Amino acid sequence: MRNKGTNLKITVKNQTVSYSDEGPNGAPVIILIHGFPFNKSMWNDQMEMLTENFRVIAYDVRGFGNSEAGTSDFTVDLFVSDLLGLMDVLKIEKAMLCGLSMGGYIALNAIENYPKRFSALILCDTNCVADTPEAVEKRMVTIEKIDKYGVEPFANESIKNLFAPISFVTNQEKIAVVKEMIMKATVPSLSATLLALTLRKETCSKLAEIKVPVLILVGEDDKITPPVAARQMHKNIKGSILNVIENAGHLSNIENSYEFNIHLEKFVSSVRLK
């Protein structure tokens, strides 16, 4: 029997996973995967908008929010295994998959390896390339700093790159919420995830094999995964739709949720009708 609500807990492969599951029984399923270093609450605006017509699930990736970290070394493959395990326990055979940033890396890996489990893909502020040696070095330095100085300096530094310039004028409340989200992350989970991201494989070479409908969303001022990366994915995924979100940086779903939600709802509604 399905449990509905927010901040539910379920055991997946001997791990406690925290998730929210809302919307009508029997409706098409949309699974939302948060970015690094956030948690499922980053999708609150989208859940509120989608749950009238869809069953929407947002969950905390292991080690974040209220999900256990476990004892395994973090990898994107492990995160995908967790996703499939959650779907199996919830008896979800097929779903639309929406991921932002790290969530997009997980979504791309999942659809590459388990294409029959997904009916559509929404890629938000993400890309398909592996880390360059320079990016790896930067992440390793960040791990050292987090281990030495803790989470707060990391949170303060992250905020500078996550948001569009206008957000520092108009979205102070949202910036405070995001900083609080980062502050809730633990040093071990931050370090383990950064290491996992350095080891992830590229998925660009597999984009042409994606057969489901794809929506790509990116903030026009995204400095981390810029619009040029989104355009490259769009070019390589036949039939994909690209929308650039105004007045938004890396967290386009939070910074300009109004415009983001318009494009998201239009896309998932069109998929539903097919």
Protein backbone atom coordinates (compact mmCIF):
# COMPACT_ATOMS: atom_id res chain seq x y z
CA MET A 1 0.00 0.00 0.00
CA ARG A 2 1.30 3.45 -0.94
CA ASN A 3 2.20 5.94 1.78
CA LYS A 4 1.57 9.59 0.85
CA GLY A 5 3.20 12.59 2.44
CA THR A 6 6.43 14.47 3.01
CA ASN A 7 9.60 13.31 4.74
CA LEU A 8 8.58 9.67 4.70
CA LYS A 9 11.16 6.98 5.39
CA ILE A 10 11.62 3.67 3.64
CA THR A 11 14.27 0.95 3.68
CA VAL A 12 16.06 0.37 0.38
CA LYS A 13 18.76 -2.32 0.40
CA ASN A 14 19.19 -2.01 4.17
CA GLN A 15 19.48 1.78 3.88
CA THR A 16 17.01 4.35 5.20
CA VAL A 17 15.91 6.70 2.42
CA SER A 18 13.92 9.85 3.11
CA TYR A 19 11.42 10.84 0.44
CA SER A 20 8.21 12.72 -0.28
CA ASP A 21 5.45 11.11 -2.33
CA GLU A 22 2.44 13.21 -3.27
CA GLY A 23 -0.25 13.37 -5.95
CA PRO A 24 -3.05 11.10 -7.16
CA ASN A 25 -2.86 7.31 -7.17
CA GLY A 26 -2.48 5.92 -10.67
CA ALA A 27 -1.13 9.20 -12.11
CA PRO A 28 2.09 9.28 -14.18
CA VAL A 29 5.14 9.33 -11.90
CA ILE A 30 7.79 12.06 -11.86
CA ILE A 31 10.94 11.53 -9.76
CA LEU A 32 12.96 14.61 -8.78
CA ILE A 33 16.68 14.27 -7.97
CA HIS A 34 18.34 17.16 -6.17
CA GLY A 35 21.75 18.67 -6.85
CA PHE A 36 24.89 18.80 -4.71
CA PRO A 37 25.04 19.74 -1.85
CA PHE A 38 21.30 20.12 -1.31
CA ASN A 39 18.36 17.91 -0.41
CA LYS A 40 14.86 17.12 -1.64
CA SER A 41 13.41 20.35 -0.22
CA MET A 42 14.94 22.22 -3.16
CA TRP A 43 12.00 20.87 -5.22
CA ASN A 44 9.21 22.23 -2.98
CA ASP A 45 7.93 24.71 -5.59
CA GLN A 46 7.85 22.04 -8.29
CA MET A 47 6.10 19.48 -6.07
CA GLU A 48 3.40 21.97 -5.21
CA MET A 49 2.82 22.72 -8.89
CA LEU A 50 2.89 19.15 -10.22
CA THR A 51 0.96 17.15 -7.64
CA GLU A 52 -2.48 18.01 -8.96
CA ASN A 53 -2.00 15.84 -12.04
CA PHE A 54 1.08 13.71 -11.31
CA ARG A 55 2.45 11.45 -8.64
CA VAL A 56 5.63 13.28 -7.67
CA ILE A 57 8.48 11.78 -5.67
CA ALA A 58 11.46 13.75 -4.38
CA TYR A 59 14.07 11.92 -2.34
CA ASP A 60 17.28 12.64 -0.47
CA VAL A 61 20.33 11.16 -2.17
CA ARG A 62 22.28 9.02 0.29
CA GLY A 63 24.17 11.08 2.84
CA PHE A 64 22.00 14.17 2.35
CA GLY A 65 18.82 15.41 3.99
CA ASN A 66 17.45 12.56 6.10
CA SER A 67 18.82 9.65 4.05
CA GLU A 68 21.52 7.47 5.58
CA ALA A 69 25.02 7.61 4.12
CA GLY A 70 25.75 3.91 4.54
CA THR A 71 29.24 2.43 4.43
CA SER A 72 29.87 2.09 0.67
CA ASP A 73 32.14 4.47 -1.24
CA PHE A 74 29.98 7.04 -3.00
CA THR A 75 29.83 6.78 -6.81
CA VAL A 76 27.33 7.95 -9.39
CA ASP A 77 26.72 4.28 -10.19
CA LEU A 78 25.81 3.70 -6.54
CA PHE A 79 23.43 6.68 -6.61
CA VAL A 80 21.75 5.16 -9.70
CA SER A 81 21.49 1.81 -7.94
CA ASP A 82 19.81 3.61 -5.02
CA LEU A 83 17.34 5.26 -7.42
CA LEU A 84 16.40 1.94 -9.02
CA GLY A 85 16.14 0.34 -5.61
CA LEU A 86 13.75 3.05 -4.46
CA MET A 87 11.62 2.59 -7.57
CA ASP A 88 11.51 -1.16 -6.99
CA VAL A 89 10.49 -0.86 -3.33
CA LEU A 90 7.78 1.67 -4.28
CA LYS A 91 6.72 -0.66 -7.12
CA ILE A 92 7.28 2.00 -9.79
CA GLU A 93 7.96 0.31 -13.10
CA LYS A 94 8.44 3.47 -15.16
CA ALA A 95 8.81 7.16 -14.39
CA MET A 96 9.74 10.54 -15.79
CA LEU A 97 13.10 11.55 -14.35
CA CYS A 98 14.09 15.12 -13.49
CA GLY A 99 17.56 15.95 -12.16
CA LEU A 100 19.39 19.19 -11.45
CA SER A 101 23.20 19.39 -11.56
CA MET A 102 24.38 16.21 -9.76
CA GLY A 103 20.80 14.96 -10.13
CA GLY A 104 21.27 15.35 -13.87
CA TYR A 105 24.45 13.24 -13.75
CA ILE A 106 22.47 10.54 -11.96
CA ALA A 107 19.59 10.82 -14.45
CA LEU A 108 21.87 10.57 -17.50
CA ASN A 109 23.65 7.54 -16.07
CA ALA A 110 20.30 5.93 -15.18
CA ILE A 111 18.74 6.34 -18.61
CA GLU A 112 21.94 5.12 -20.30
CA ASN A 113 21.95 1.90 -18.28
CA TYR A 114 18.22 1.34 -17.64
CA PRO A 115 16.42 3.01 -20.57
CA LYS A 116 13.24 0.93 -20.22
CA ARG A 117 12.57 2.29 -16.73
CA PHE A 118 12.08 5.90 -17.85
CA SER A 119 9.48 7.58 -20.04
CA ALA A 120 10.97 11.09 -20.20
CA LEU A 121 14.00 13.05 -19.03
CA ILE A 122 14.30 16.58 -17.67
CA LEU A 123 17.91 17.81 -17.39
CA CYS A 124 18.31 21.00 -15.37
CA ASP A 125 21.52 23.02 -15.04
CA THR A 126 23.73 20.01 -15.71
CA ASN A 127 26.05 18.60 -18.36
CA CYS A 128 27.30 15.32 -19.79
CA VAL A 129 31.08 15.77 -19.60
CA ALA A 130 33.44 14.18 -17.09
CA ASP A 131 35.58 16.40 -14.88
CA THR A 132 38.67 17.87 -16.51
CA PRO A 133 41.98 17.46 -14.61
CA GLU A 134 41.58 21.10 -13.52
CA ALA A 135 38.07 20.43 -12.19
CA VAL A 136 39.30 17.33 -10.34
CA GLU A 137 42.08 19.36 -8.73
CA LYS A 138 39.58 22.03 -7.69
CA ARG A 139 37.30 19.46 -6.07
CA MET A 140 40.23 17.87 -4.21
CA VAL A 141 41.24 21.27 -2.84
CA THR A 142 37.64 21.82 -1.76
CA ILE A 143 37.64 18.47 0.07
CA GLU A 144 40.80 19.53 1.95
CA LYS A 145 39.23 22.86 2.91
CA ILE A 146 35.99 21.25 4.11
CA ASP A 147 37.91 18.72 6.18
CA LYS A 148 40.01 21.51 7.70
CA TYR A 149 37.54 24.37 8.13
CA GLY A 150 34.10 22.72 8.17
CA VAL A 151 30.89 23.36 6.26
CA GLU A 152 30.19 27.08 6.78
CA PRO A 153 33.12 28.52 4.76
CA PHE A 154 32.24 26.04 2.00
CA ALA A 155 28.60 27.20 2.09
CA ASN A 156 29.61 30.87 1.90
CA GLU A 157 31.92 30.22 -1.05
CA SER A 158 29.34 28.07 -2.86
CA ILE A 159 26.64 30.71 -2.66
CA LYS A 160 28.79 33.13 -4.69
CA ASN A 161 28.71 30.78 -7.71
CA LEU A 162 25.23 29.31 -7.42
CA PHE A 163 23.10 32.37 -8.08
CA ALA A 164 22.63 34.92 -10.83
CA PRO A 165 23.82 38.46 -9.96
CA ILE A 166 20.23 39.73 -9.79
CA SER A 167 19.33 37.11 -7.18
CA PHE A 168 21.62 38.80 -4.65
CA VAL A 169 19.32 41.81 -4.97
CA THR A 170 15.91 40.18 -5.38
CA ASN A 171 16.21 36.70 -3.85
CA GLN A 172 17.90 37.17 -0.48
CA GLU A 173 15.35 34.92 1.25
CA LYS A 174 15.91 32.09 -1.22
CA ILE A 175 19.69 32.46 -0.89
CA ALA A 176 19.31 32.12 2.89
CA VAL A 177 17.24 28.95 2.44
CA VAL A 178 19.84 27.43 0.12
CA LYS A 179 22.67 28.29 2.51
CA GLU A 180 20.76 26.61 5.33
CA MET A 181 20.35 23.53 3.11
CA ILE A 182 24.11 23.37 2.50
CA MET A 183 24.82 23.88 6.21
CA LYS A 184 22.80 20.74 7.00
CA ALA A 185 25.16 18.59 4.93
CA THR A 186 27.85 16.68 6.83
CA VAL A 187 31.58 16.89 6.20
CA PRO A 188 31.90 13.15 5.38
CA SER A 189 29.02 13.24 2.86
CA LEU A 190 30.30 16.41 1.19
CA SER A 191 33.80 14.97 0.82
CA ALA A 192 32.58 11.55 -0.35
CA THR A 193 30.27 13.11 -2.95
CA LEU A 194 32.92 15.50 -4.30
CA LEU A 195 35.20 12.50 -4.76
CA ALA A 196 32.41 10.58 -6.51
CA LEU A 197 31.88 13.48 -8.91
CA THR A 198 35.57 13.49 -9.88
CA LEU A 199 35.29 9.82 -10.83
CA ARG A 200 32.09 9.99 -12.86
CA LYS A 201 32.18 8.94 -16.51
CA GLU A 202 31.08 11.15 -19.40
CA THR A 203 27.65 10.46 -20.88
CA CYS A 204 27.95 12.75 -23.93
CA SER A 205 28.79 9.85 -26.26
CA LYS A 206 25.48 8.16 -25.38
CA LEU A 207 23.16 11.16 -25.84
CA ALA A 208 22.18 10.16 -29.39
CA GLU A 209 20.86 6.86 -28.04
CA ILE A 210 18.24 8.52 -25.82
CA LYS A 211 14.83 7.72 -27.31
CA VAL A 212 12.47 9.31 -24.76
CA PRO A 213 11.28 12.95 -24.82
CA VAL A 214 13.89 15.26 -23.25
CA LEU A 215 13.58 18.76 -21.81
CA ILE A 216 16.74 20.74 -21.03
CA LEU A 217 16.48 23.74 -18.70
CA VAL A 218 19.34 26.08 -17.78
CA GLY A 219 19.69 29.44 -16.05
CA GLU A 220 20.97 32.13 -18.40
CA ASP A 221 23.57 33.11 -15.77
CA ASP A 222 24.59 29.59 -14.75
CA LYS A 223 28.35 29.76 -14.16
CA ILE A 224 28.75 26.13 -13.11
CA THR A 225 27.02 24.38 -16.03
CA PRO A 226 26.52 27.26 -18.48
CA PRO A 227 24.01 27.49 -21.34
CA VAL A 228 26.73 26.46 -23.82
CA ALA A 229 26.80 23.02 -22.12
CA ALA A 230 23.01 22.79 -22.33
CA ARG A 231 23.06 23.73 -26.02
CA GLN A 232 25.62 21.01 -26.72
CA MET A 233 23.38 18.39 -25.10
CA HIS A 234 20.37 19.75 -26.97
CA LYS A 235 22.26 19.46 -30.25
CA ASN A 236 23.07 15.79 -29.56
CA ILE A 237 19.69 14.62 -28.25
CA LYS A 238 17.35 14.32 -31.20
CA GLY A 239 14.00 16.05 -30.65
CA SER A 240 15.01 17.56 -27.31
CA ILE A 241 13.59 20.89 -26.14
CA LEU A 242 15.85 23.60 -24.69
CA ASN A 243 14.68 26.51 -22.57
CA VAL A 244 17.01 29.11 -21.08
CA ILE A 245 15.59 30.55 -17.84
CA GLU A 246 15.97 34.32 -17.42
CA ASN A 247 17.26 35.88 -14.19
CA ALA A 248 18.61 32.57 -12.95
CA GLY A 249 21.96 30.96 -12.31
CA HIS A 250 22.69 27.35 -11.36
CA LEU A 251 19.50 26.95 -9.30
CA SER A 252 17.01 27.96 -11.97
CA ASN A 253 14.18 25.99 -10.34
CA ILE A 254 14.53 28.10 -7.18
CA GLU A 255 15.61 31.48 -8.57
CA ASN A 256 12.91 31.73 -11.23
CA SER A 257 10.49 28.99 -10.28
CA TYR A 258 7.66 30.73 -12.16
CA GLU A 259 9.31 30.46 -15.59
CA PHE A 260 10.92 27.12 -14.76
CA ASN A 261 7.55 25.64 -13.77
CA ILE A 262 5.81 26.88 -16.92
CA HIS A 263 8.29 24.99 -19.12
CA LEU A 264 8.27 21.93 -16.86
CA GLU A 265 4.50 21.65 -16.68
CA LYS A 266 4.09 22.13 -20.44
CA PHE A 267 6.62 19.38 -21.11
CA VAL A 268 5.35 16.75 -18.68
CA SER A 269 1.76 17.40 -19.75
CA SER A 270 2.73 16.81 -23.38
CA VAL A 271 4.48 13.55 -22.42
CA ARG A 272 1.43 12.46 -20.48
CA LEU A 273 -0.78 12.84 -23.54
CA LYS A 274 1.45 10.66 -25.74
